[in-house]
Amino acid sequence: MTGLIARALGGAALLAMAGSTYAQSVPLNDRRAVIAPGARTTEDPRRIPLKPQSVAGVPIVLTGGRLFDAVSMRVRAATVVIEGNQIAAVLPPQATNWPPNAQVIDVTGKTIMPGLIDMHVHVTYPDGNTPIDEQASEGAGVLRGMRNLRWMLESGITSVRDLNGVSNAPYLLAEASASDEIAAPRVFTAGHIITGTGGHATERPVSPSHGPDFAWERNGADAWRAAVRETFKQGASVIKVASHFAPDEIAAAVDEAHRLGLKVTCDCETIYTAMAVDAGIDMIEHPLPRTDATIAAMAKRGTTAVPTLQVYQNVIDRAGGFYGSTSRRFTMTAQGDFDVFKKMKAAGIVMGVGTDTIGDANRMVPNVYLAELKWFVKGGYSIPAALQAATLTNAKLLDMGDRLGSIEPGKLADVIVVDGHPDEDIDALSRIDMVVKDGVLAVSGGQVVTPRHVSAPLAKPSPPATVR
C-alpha cells in the first residue's frame, strides 16, 4: 500500500483503522482520511485536531450583489448567508429565508467574490525605514508584519503564503492570525528557506536580511530532512527550498515533507529546477530559466508554478537586471521571463498568483497584485480565469481547496465585496468595500474594523462585605 498514511503508519495500524466508517469512505492516501467528517481541526494543511467548539456571532447576509462564482468563472445575482465562520447558503436574489437575527448588508451593484490569495509574500522582511540593527530583530519583524498584513487585508487579500522571514516572526504572525488576535489575512508560512551553503539568500556579502535569521544553510540529505522536520515543528504549513542543492538533498526534503503532509516549493533555476521536478517537488516559484524539457517534465508530473512576473519586472525596471548574486547566475530580461510563463501556460501547467512582495514593495499593495493579474491576462488568461487563479486555484495550491477559494456552503467565510465589476476590469479590485475573514467583518467601507474589547468579569463583582 502506498501514500502518506501507509508510509507513516505501517500495515498493522492500517488494519486497525480499517473498521472505522470514515477510514473506509476515503482512500488511504492522505492524512485527512483518519479525521472524522466534520471534526474540528486547524485551518491549515497540517489539520491538527482541536476540541469541538461552537462558533458564536451574528449571521451576516449580503444582499443585492452580483456573485463571482470562482468555479464556473461566471457572475450571477445572489444572496450570500454567513453563519459562524462558514458560508451557510448561497440563495437566489429574491430569497429571504435567513436567520432573523442576521445583520443584513445591502451591496446592490457591487461584486461579491472569494477573498484574494497571494501565494508569495515576505511580510516581515526589513524595508528602507528599518534601522540596520533591527533588520534581524524578531520583534521588529512581527511589528512590520502586522502593518503589512493589515494593508493586505484592506486590499481584499484574505490569505497569504509567507515564504520566509526573520527568525520566528512568520510563525508568530500565523498563530496570531489564526486566533483572530490581529487584523490580518490567514498566514500559511514556510518560516525559513532551506538551501545549501552559499545558496539563495545566504550569498556573500552576508547582510542581516540575507543570513541565518532568514535562511538555513544545510549540507547533506540527513541535514535537509532534519531542517524540514524543524520547520514543521516551528509551525510551517509549507516547505520552501532553494538552489543550490544536490540530488539526494532535494529528494530527502521532498520525501520528508510529503511524509508530514506538507507541500514543497522551490526557488530554483536551470539544472536545479530539473532536479527538483525529478525529486517530486510540488511547485516552482518565479519565471527563472529552465529548459523546454524541464517544462515538459513539469506538465507530465503535475508540478505547478507561481510565476511572480511583476517582482522581476520591478527589478528590471529599477536596476536593469539581476546582478551580483551567485544564486542568479543568468541573464534576466522581461521577454525571457514572459517566455517562460507562456511556455508553461501552453504546456498546461497550473499556475497560481503570487507577488513576492518584499521590503518596500509592501507599500505597493495592492498595485503589485493587480499588476500580476494583468500579466496573466497579457499571457492569455481571460479576466475571469485570472480571478479564478487568484482564488480557487491558489486555494488548491495551498492544499486548502476544500476550505477556501470559492463561495460555496460549508467553506470558510473569506469573502470580499468590490465596488465595481472586477470580472470585467481588474482595476476594480483597487476598490475593496468590505472584507469578511473567517466569518468576521474585518473591513467595512474600505476601513479595517477593530471590535471594542470586551472586559472579562472579576471573580466577584464587588468588594467583600467584611472589609471596613
Protein backbone atom coordinates (compact mmCIF):
# COMPACT_ATOMS: atom_id res chain seq x y z
CA MET A 1 0.00 0.00 0.00
CA THR A 2 1.30 3.43 -0.93
CA GLY A 3 0.63 7.02 0.15
CA LEU A 4 1.33 9.19 3.14
CA ILE A 5 -0.65 7.08 5.62
CA ALA A 6 0.93 3.83 4.51
CA ARG A 7 4.42 5.23 4.78
CA ALA A 8 3.78 6.94 8.11
CA LEU A 9 1.77 4.29 9.97
CA GLY A 10 2.55 0.89 8.53
CA GLY A 11 0.33 -2.13 7.86
CA ALA A 12 -0.72 -3.01 11.43
CA ALA A 13 -2.05 0.44 12.11
CA LEU A 14 -3.86 0.48 8.78
CA LEU A 15 -5.66 -2.75 9.66
CA ALA A 16 -6.73 -1.23 12.96
CA MET A 17 -8.13 1.80 11.15
CA ALA A 18 -9.98 -0.20 8.55
CA GLY A 19 -13.02 -0.74 10.79
CA SER A 20 -13.86 2.96 11.04
CA THR A 21 -16.51 4.25 8.65
CA TYR A 22 -14.58 7.37 7.75
CA ALA A 23 -11.41 5.42 7.01
CA GLN A 24 -13.38 3.17 4.67
CA SER A 25 -15.03 6.08 2.85
CA VAL A 26 -11.82 7.94 1.98
CA PRO A 27 -8.83 6.48 0.12
CA LEU A 28 -5.90 5.96 2.47
CA ASN A 29 -3.54 8.27 0.62
CA ASP A 30 -3.95 11.36 2.78
CA ARG A 31 -3.67 12.07 6.48
CA ARG A 32 -7.17 13.55 6.36
CA ALA A 33 -8.52 10.05 5.82
CA VAL A 34 -8.22 9.44 9.55
CA ILE A 35 -10.07 12.61 10.55
CA ALA A 36 -13.81 12.09 11.02
CA PRO A 37 -16.04 14.20 8.76
CA GLY A 38 -16.98 17.43 10.50
CA ALA A 39 -14.24 17.12 13.11
CA ARG A 40 -12.67 20.43 14.07
CA THR A 41 -9.05 20.90 13.02
CA THR A 42 -6.65 23.75 12.44
CA GLU A 43 -7.50 25.56 9.20
CA ASP A 44 -4.19 24.80 7.52
CA PRO A 45 -2.68 21.85 5.64
CA ARG A 46 -1.47 20.26 8.89
CA ARG A 47 -5.09 19.63 10.01
CA ILE A 48 -4.25 19.26 13.71
CA PRO A 49 -7.33 18.01 15.64
CA LEU A 50 -8.93 20.53 18.01
CA LYS A 51 -11.64 20.24 20.64
CA PRO A 52 -15.17 20.84 19.34
CA GLN A 53 -16.24 24.46 19.73
CA SER A 54 -19.44 26.31 18.94
CA VAL A 55 -18.85 29.45 16.89
CA ALA A 56 -20.94 32.36 18.11
CA GLY A 57 -21.64 35.64 16.37
CA VAL A 58 -24.37 37.39 14.45
CA PRO A 59 -25.01 35.93 10.99
CA ILE A 60 -24.15 38.19 8.06
CA VAL A 61 -26.30 38.40 4.94
CA LEU A 62 -25.08 40.12 1.78
CA THR A 63 -28.00 41.04 -0.49
CA GLY A 64 -28.38 42.73 -3.86
CA GLY A 65 -24.92 41.89 -5.12
CA ARG A 66 -23.53 40.13 -8.16
CA LEU A 67 -21.66 36.96 -7.17
CA PHE A 68 -18.45 35.91 -8.95
CA ASP A 69 -18.50 32.11 -8.97
CA ALA A 70 -14.85 31.04 -8.90
CA VAL A 71 -15.79 27.52 -10.02
CA SER A 72 -17.71 28.43 -13.19
CA MET A 73 -15.99 31.83 -13.64
CA ARG A 74 -19.45 33.31 -14.19
CA VAL A 75 -21.34 36.11 -12.45
CA ARG A 76 -24.94 35.93 -11.25
CA ALA A 77 -27.24 37.78 -8.86
CA ALA A 78 -27.24 36.06 -5.46
CA THR A 79 -27.58 36.48 -1.71
CA VAL A 80 -24.79 35.12 0.48
CA VAL A 81 -25.52 33.97 4.03
CA ILE A 82 -22.65 33.64 6.53
CA GLU A 83 -23.09 31.89 9.88
CA GLY A 84 -20.24 31.44 12.31
CA ASN A 85 -17.08 31.21 10.22
CA GLN A 86 -18.65 29.43 7.25
CA ILE A 87 -20.74 30.10 4.17
CA ALA A 88 -24.17 28.87 5.22
CA ALA A 89 -26.03 29.37 1.95
CA VAL A 90 -25.97 30.98 -1.48
CA LEU A 91 -29.57 31.97 -2.19
CA PRO A 92 -31.43 33.33 -5.20
CA PRO A 93 -31.65 37.12 -5.12
CA GLN A 94 -35.34 37.15 -4.16
CA ALA A 95 -34.96 34.73 -1.23
CA THR A 96 -35.34 35.94 2.37
CA ASN A 97 -35.01 32.67 4.32
CA TRP A 98 -32.07 33.66 6.52
CA PRO A 99 -31.77 33.77 10.34
CA PRO A 100 -34.00 36.50 11.83
CA ASN A 101 -31.13 37.93 13.91
CA ALA A 102 -28.82 38.37 10.91
CA GLN A 103 -27.01 41.58 10.04
CA VAL A 104 -28.33 42.29 6.55
CA ILE A 105 -26.00 44.37 4.36
CA ASP A 106 -27.17 45.75 1.03
CA VAL A 107 -24.40 45.51 -1.57
CA THR A 108 -26.50 46.34 -4.61
CA GLY A 109 -24.40 46.92 -7.72
CA LYS A 110 -21.26 45.55 -6.08
CA THR A 111 -19.47 42.25 -6.67
CA ILE A 112 -19.25 39.53 -4.03
CA MET A 113 -16.33 37.16 -4.53
CA PRO A 114 -13.94 34.90 -2.60
CA GLY A 115 -11.09 36.64 -0.82
CA LEU A 116 -7.94 37.03 -2.87
CA ILE A 117 -4.93 34.83 -2.07
CA ASP A 118 -1.30 35.85 -2.53
CA MET A 119 0.89 32.78 -2.93
CA HIS A 120 4.24 34.51 -2.36
CA VAL A 121 4.88 37.24 0.21
CA HIS A 122 7.55 38.19 2.75
CA VAL A 123 5.76 40.37 5.28
CA THR A 124 8.48 40.50 7.97
CA TYR A 125 11.45 41.48 5.80
CA PRO A 126 13.12 44.83 6.59
CA ASP A 127 12.37 47.82 4.40
CA GLY A 128 14.01 51.18 3.76
CA ASN A 129 12.85 52.52 7.12
CA THR A 130 14.32 49.67 9.16
CA PRO A 131 17.47 50.58 11.14
CA ILE A 132 20.38 48.25 10.41
CA ASP A 133 20.45 46.97 13.99
CA GLU A 134 16.78 45.92 13.79
CA GLN A 135 16.84 44.09 10.46
CA ALA A 136 17.28 40.71 12.11
CA SER A 137 15.05 41.53 15.09
CA GLU A 138 12.18 39.10 15.59
CA GLY A 139 10.11 41.73 17.41
CA ALA A 140 10.62 44.35 14.73
CA GLY A 141 9.71 41.73 12.14
CA VAL A 142 6.43 40.99 13.91
CA LEU A 143 5.55 44.70 14.01
CA ARG A 144 6.37 45.15 10.31
CA GLY A 145 4.40 42.03 9.53
CA MET A 146 1.32 43.24 11.40
CA ARG A 147 1.40 46.50 9.45
CA ASN A 148 1.94 44.82 6.08
CA LEU A 149 -0.74 42.21 6.74
CA ARG A 150 -3.22 44.96 7.61
CA TRP A 151 -2.53 46.62 4.26
CA MET A 152 -3.13 43.31 2.51
CA LEU A 153 -6.39 42.70 4.36
CA GLU A 154 -7.60 46.19 3.37
CA SER A 155 -6.82 45.22 -0.22
CA GLY A 156 -9.10 42.17 -0.15
CA ILE A 157 -6.31 39.62 0.34
CA THR A 158 -7.64 37.15 2.92
CA SER A 159 -4.86 34.52 2.71
CA VAL A 160 -1.13 34.76 2.10
CA ARG A 161 1.68 32.25 1.81
CA ASP A 162 4.72 33.75 3.54
CA LEU A 163 7.80 32.07 2.09
CA ASN A 164 10.33 33.10 4.71
CA GLY A 165 11.07 35.89 7.10
CA VAL A 166 13.08 36.88 10.12
CA SER A 167 13.56 34.30 12.87
CA ASN A 168 10.24 33.05 14.31
CA ALA A 169 8.24 36.14 13.29
CA PRO A 170 6.33 34.42 10.43
CA TYR A 171 5.25 31.58 12.73
CA LEU A 172 4.07 34.03 15.41
CA LEU A 173 2.05 36.01 12.88
CA ALA A 174 0.47 32.83 11.51
CA GLU A 175 -0.63 31.86 15.02
CA ALA A 176 -1.94 35.34 15.83
CA SER A 177 -3.93 35.50 12.61
CA ALA A 178 -5.38 32.01 13.09
CA SER A 179 -6.72 33.04 16.51
CA ASP A 180 -8.04 36.37 15.12
CA GLU A 181 -5.83 38.35 17.50
CA ILE A 182 -4.65 40.72 14.76
CA ALA A 183 -6.21 42.30 11.68
CA ALA A 184 -4.60 40.10 9.05
CA PRO A 185 -5.18 37.56 6.30
CA ARG A 186 -4.65 33.90 7.06
CA VAL A 187 -0.91 33.24 7.06
CA PHE A 188 0.44 29.98 5.66
CA THR A 189 4.15 30.11 6.29
CA ALA A 190 7.34 28.29 5.39
CA GLY A 191 9.26 30.12 8.12
CA HIS A 192 12.77 29.65 6.74
CA ILE A 193 14.31 28.87 3.36
CA ILE A 194 16.30 25.62 3.28
CA THR A 195 19.32 25.79 0.96
CA GLY A 196 22.88 24.55 0.61
CA THR A 197 25.82 26.55 1.95
CA GLY A 198 26.08 29.72 -0.10
CA GLY A 199 22.67 29.12 -1.71
CA HIS A 200 19.89 31.60 -2.33
CA ALA A 201 19.50 34.26 0.39
CA THR A 202 22.83 33.30 2.01
CA GLU A 203 25.31 34.63 -0.55
CA ARG A 204 28.22 36.88 0.32
CA PRO A 205 28.35 39.59 1.36
CA VAL A 206 26.05 38.36 4.10
CA SER A 207 23.58 41.00 5.26
CA PRO A 208 21.07 40.90 8.12
CA SER A 209 18.22 40.38 5.64
CA HIS A 210 20.02 37.54 3.85
CA GLY A 211 21.60 35.42 6.52
CA PRO A 212 20.95 32.72 9.13
CA ASP A 213 17.95 34.52 10.62
CA PHE A 214 16.15 34.19 7.28
CA ALA A 215 17.57 31.11 5.60
CA TRP A 216 19.11 27.86 6.82
CA GLU A 217 22.25 26.55 5.12
CA ARG A 218 22.28 22.77 5.35
CA ASN A 219 24.52 20.16 3.72
CA GLY A 220 23.70 16.50 3.15
CA ALA A 221 20.44 14.63 2.80
CA ASP A 222 20.08 13.95 6.52
CA ALA A 223 20.55 17.62 7.33
CA TRP A 224 17.93 18.63 4.77
CA ARG A 225 15.50 16.09 6.20
CA ALA A 226 16.15 17.44 9.69
CA ALA A 227 15.57 21.01 8.52
CA VAL A 228 12.15 20.05 7.16
CA ARG A 229 11.28 18.49 10.50
CA GLU A 230 12.45 21.59 12.36
CA THR A 231 10.35 24.00 10.29
CA PHE A 232 7.37 21.69 10.74
CA LYS A 233 7.98 21.74 14.49
CA GLN A 234 8.05 25.54 14.48
CA GLY A 235 4.69 25.68 12.70
CA ALA A 236 5.37 25.59 8.96
CA SER A 237 2.41 24.69 6.76
CA VAL A 238 4.54 24.61 3.60
CA ILE A 239 8.23 23.89 3.00
CA LYS A 240 10.41 26.18 0.89
CA VAL A 241 13.74 25.09 -0.54
CA ALA A 242 16.14 26.96 -2.80
CA SER A 243 19.09 26.23 -5.02
CA HIS A 244 21.70 25.20 -4.73
CA PHE A 245 21.44 21.61 -3.61
CA ALA A 246 22.47 18.07 -4.56
CA PRO A 247 20.02 15.49 -5.93
CA ASP A 248 19.93 13.50 -2.69
CA GLU A 249 19.31 16.66 -0.63
CA ILE A 250 16.26 17.80 -2.59
CA ALA A 251 14.92 14.24 -2.72
CA ALA A 252 15.23 13.90 1.05
CA ALA A 253 13.46 17.22 1.69
CA VAL A 254 10.56 16.39 -0.62
CA ASP A 255 10.19 12.90 0.82
CA GLU A 256 10.18 14.13 4.42
CA ALA A 257 7.75 16.97 3.75
CA HIS A 258 5.34 14.64 1.99
CA ARG A 259 5.52 12.21 4.91
CA LEU A 260 4.47 15.12 7.13
CA GLY A 261 1.63 16.00 4.77
CA LEU A 262 3.12 19.28 3.54
CA LYS A 263 3.76 20.59 0.04
CA VAL A 264 7.21 21.76 -1.05
CA THR A 265 8.01 24.71 -3.27
CA CYS A 266 11.34 25.67 -4.77
CA ASP A 267 13.10 28.93 -5.64
CA CYS A 268 15.40 27.44 -8.22
CA GLU A 269 16.58 27.74 -11.80
CA THR A 270 18.30 25.90 -14.66
CA ILE A 271 19.62 22.47 -13.62
CA TYR A 272 18.17 22.82 -10.10
CA THR A 273 14.62 23.17 -11.41
CA ALA A 274 15.07 19.92 -13.34
CA MET A 275 16.44 18.21 -10.22
CA ALA A 276 13.54 19.46 -8.10
CA VAL A 277 10.92 18.30 -10.59
CA ASP A 278 12.60 14.90 -10.80
CA ALA A 279 12.50 14.68 -6.98
CA GLY A 280 8.73 15.18 -6.97
CA ILE A 281 8.58 18.83 -5.91
CA ASP A 282 5.04 20.24 -5.81
CA MET A 283 5.70 23.74 -7.07
CA ILE A 284 8.29 26.04 -8.64
CA GLU A 285 8.47 29.76 -7.82
CA HIS A 286 9.38 32.56 -10.24
CA PRO A 287 9.91 32.72 -14.03
CA LEU A 288 13.59 31.79 -13.78
CA PRO A 289 15.32 30.00 -16.69
CA ARG A 290 14.56 26.35 -17.38
CA THR A 291 14.72 24.16 -20.44
CA ASP A 292 11.80 23.12 -22.61
CA ALA A 293 12.43 19.57 -21.40
CA THR A 294 12.01 20.70 -17.80
CA ILE A 295 8.74 22.46 -18.65
CA ALA A 296 7.53 19.27 -20.34
CA ALA A 297 8.52 17.29 -17.23
CA MET A 298 6.61 19.75 -15.02
CA ALA A 299 3.50 19.25 -17.15
CA LYS A 300 3.85 15.47 -17.12
CA ARG A 301 4.35 15.24 -13.36
CA GLY A 302 1.73 17.85 -12.44
CA THR A 303 4.28 20.26 -10.99
CA THR A 304 2.58 23.62 -10.51
CA ALA A 305 4.06 27.13 -10.70
CA VAL A 306 3.82 30.58 -9.14
CA PRO A 307 5.43 32.82 -11.78
CA THR A 308 5.69 36.15 -9.86
CA LEU A 309 6.35 38.07 -13.08
CA GLN A 310 5.79 41.52 -11.60
CA VAL A 311 8.52 41.38 -8.96
CA TYR A 312 11.18 40.61 -11.56
CA GLN A 313 9.79 43.26 -13.89
CA ASN A 314 10.23 45.63 -10.93
CA VAL A 315 13.87 44.56 -10.63
CA ILE A 316 14.43 45.08 -14.35
CA ASP A 317 12.69 48.48 -14.30
CA ARG A 318 14.77 49.68 -11.34
CA ALA A 319 18.16 48.06 -11.93
CA GLY A 320 18.12 46.79 -15.50
CA GLY A 321 18.54 43.20 -14.39
CA PHE A 322 19.57 40.94 -11.51
CA TYR A 323 23.24 41.42 -10.69
CA GLY A 324 25.80 40.39 -8.10
CA SER A 325 24.15 37.21 -6.86
CA THR A 326 25.64 33.72 -7.01
CA SER A 327 22.12 32.26 -6.96
CA ARG A 328 21.07 34.30 -10.01
CA ARG A 329 23.83 33.37 -12.48
CA PHE A 330 21.94 34.07 -15.67
CA THR A 331 20.86 36.98 -17.80
CA MET A 332 17.39 38.19 -16.87
CA THR A 333 15.13 40.01 -19.32
CA ALA A 334 11.44 40.85 -19.31
CA GLN A 335 10.95 38.91 -22.53
CA GLY A 336 12.82 35.87 -21.21
CA ASP A 337 10.66 35.81 -18.07
CA PHE A 338 7.47 36.17 -20.07
CA ASP A 339 8.57 33.45 -22.49
CA VAL A 340 8.87 31.00 -19.57
CA PHE A 341 5.35 31.98 -18.45
CA LYS A 342 3.89 31.50 -21.93
CA LYS A 343 5.59 28.14 -22.37
CA MET A 344 4.24 26.93 -19.04
CA LYS A 345 0.73 28.03 -19.98
CA ALA A 346 0.99 26.35 -23.37
CA ALA A 347 2.11 23.14 -21.64
CA GLY A 348 -0.99 23.20 -19.42
CA ILE A 349 0.90 23.81 -16.17
CA VAL A 350 -1.38 25.05 -13.40
CA MET A 351 -0.22 28.48 -12.24
CA GLY A 352 -1.13 30.49 -9.17
CA VAL A 353 -0.94 34.19 -8.42
CA GLY A 354 1.85 35.45 -6.16
CA THR A 355 3.67 38.76 -5.91
CA ASP A 356 6.91 38.03 -4.00
CA THR A 357 6.13 41.24 -2.12
CA ILE A 358 9.17 42.04 -0.01
CA GLY A 359 10.58 45.05 1.84
CA ASP A 360 9.39 48.38 0.44
CA ALA A 361 7.23 46.58 -2.14
CA ASN A 362 4.72 46.02 0.66
CA ARG A 363 3.90 49.71 0.33
CA MET A 364 2.80 48.99 -3.25
CA VAL A 365 -0.06 46.70 -2.17
CA PRO A 366 -2.48 46.24 -3.95
CA ASN A 367 -0.80 47.65 -7.08
CA VAL A 368 1.69 44.78 -7.24
CA TYR A 369 -1.13 42.24 -7.02
CA LEU A 370 -3.18 43.93 -9.74
CA ALA A 371 -0.07 44.10 -11.93
CA GLU A 372 0.47 40.35 -11.53
CA LEU A 373 -3.12 39.68 -12.59
CA LYS A 374 -2.57 41.86 -15.65
CA TRP A 375 0.50 39.78 -16.57
CA PHE A 376 -1.76 36.71 -16.52
CA VAL A 377 -4.21 38.45 -18.85
CA LYS A 378 -1.37 39.57 -21.14
CA GLY A 379 -0.23 35.94 -21.20
CA GLY A 380 -3.56 34.64 -22.47
CA TYR A 381 -5.85 34.30 -19.44
CA SER A 382 -9.29 35.87 -19.59
CA ILE A 383 -10.01 38.24 -16.69
CA PRO A 384 -12.38 35.72 -15.05
CA ALA A 385 -9.71 33.00 -15.44
CA ALA A 386 -7.15 35.26 -13.78
CA LEU A 387 -9.59 35.81 -10.89
CA GLN A 388 -10.07 32.06 -10.64
CA ALA A 389 -6.30 31.64 -10.44
CA ALA A 390 -6.21 34.27 -7.66
CA THR A 391 -8.86 32.48 -5.62
CA LEU A 392 -9.80 28.84 -6.23
CA THR A 393 -6.58 27.76 -7.96
CA ASN A 394 -4.48 29.41 -5.27
CA ALA A 395 -6.54 27.69 -2.58
CA LYS A 396 -5.88 24.32 -4.20
CA LEU A 397 -2.16 25.09 -4.42
CA LEU A 398 -2.25 25.87 -0.69
CA ASP A 399 -3.80 22.41 -0.15
CA MET A 400 -6.88 24.29 1.10
CA GLY A 401 -9.19 23.88 -1.88
CA ASP A 402 -11.79 22.14 0.29
CA ARG A 403 -11.98 25.13 2.65
CA LEU A 404 -11.12 28.26 0.68
CA GLY A 405 -11.19 29.82 -2.77
CA SER A 406 -14.89 29.83 -3.67
CA ILE A 407 -18.19 30.88 -2.14
CA GLU A 408 -19.93 27.58 -1.51
CA PRO A 409 -21.89 26.29 1.51
CA GLY A 410 -19.59 24.72 4.09
CA LYS A 411 -16.47 26.60 3.05
CA LEU A 412 -14.78 29.12 5.30
CA ALA A 413 -16.29 32.59 5.07
CA ASP A 414 -13.49 34.60 3.48
CA VAL A 415 -15.50 36.98 1.31
CA ILE A 416 -14.84 40.36 -0.26
CA VAL A 417 -17.19 42.96 -1.72
CA VAL A 418 -15.82 45.03 -4.59
CA ASP A 419 -17.26 48.38 -5.63
CA GLY A 420 -17.23 47.54 -9.31
CA HIS A 421 -17.01 44.66 -11.76
CA PRO A 422 -13.58 43.00 -11.36
CA ASP A 423 -14.62 40.26 -13.78
CA GLU A 424 -14.59 42.95 -16.47
CA ASP A 425 -11.93 45.34 -15.14
CA ILE A 426 -9.08 44.21 -12.91
CA ASP A 427 -8.58 47.76 -11.61
CA ALA A 428 -11.95 47.47 -9.87
CA LEU A 429 -10.07 45.37 -7.27
CA SER A 430 -8.50 48.60 -6.04
CA ARG A 431 -11.96 49.49 -4.67
CA ILE A 432 -12.47 46.97 -1.88
CA ASP A 433 -15.55 47.99 0.07
CA MET A 434 -15.88 45.12 2.51
CA VAL A 435 -13.89 42.11 3.73
CA VAL A 436 -15.22 39.22 5.79
CA LYS A 437 -12.43 36.97 7.06
CA ASP A 438 -13.28 33.79 8.94
CA GLY A 439 -16.88 34.96 9.24
CA VAL A 440 -15.98 38.25 10.91
CA LEU A 441 -16.49 41.65 9.30
CA ALA A 442 -12.88 42.82 9.08
CA VAL A 443 -13.12 45.73 6.63
CA SER A 444 -16.14 47.98 6.18
CA GLY A 445 -16.28 50.98 3.87
CA GLY A 446 -12.68 50.24 2.94
CA GLN A 447 -11.51 50.65 6.55
CA VAL A 448 -10.29 47.96 8.96
CA VAL A 449 -12.85 47.29 11.68
CA THR A 450 -11.41 46.89 15.19
CA PRO A 451 -14.05 45.50 17.57
CA ARG A 452 -14.20 47.03 21.02
CA HIS A 453 -12.51 44.97 23.74
CA VAL A 454 -15.00 43.19 25.99
CA SER A 455 -13.79 43.35 29.60
CA ALA A 456 -13.52 40.00 31.36
CA PRO A 457 -15.53 39.80 34.61
CA LEU A 458 -13.94 39.78 38.04
CA ALA A 459 -14.21 36.65 40.17
CA LYS A 460 -16.62 38.62 42.41
CA PRO A 461 -18.33 41.81 41.25
CA SER A 462 -18.00 43.81 44.47
CA PRO A 463 -15.65 44.20 47.50
CA PRO A 464 -16.10 41.63 50.27
CA ALA A 465 -18.67 42.73 52.89
CA THR A 466 -16.14 42.12 55.72
CA VAL A 467 -13.79 44.85 54.53
CA ARG A 468 -14.25 48.09 56.57
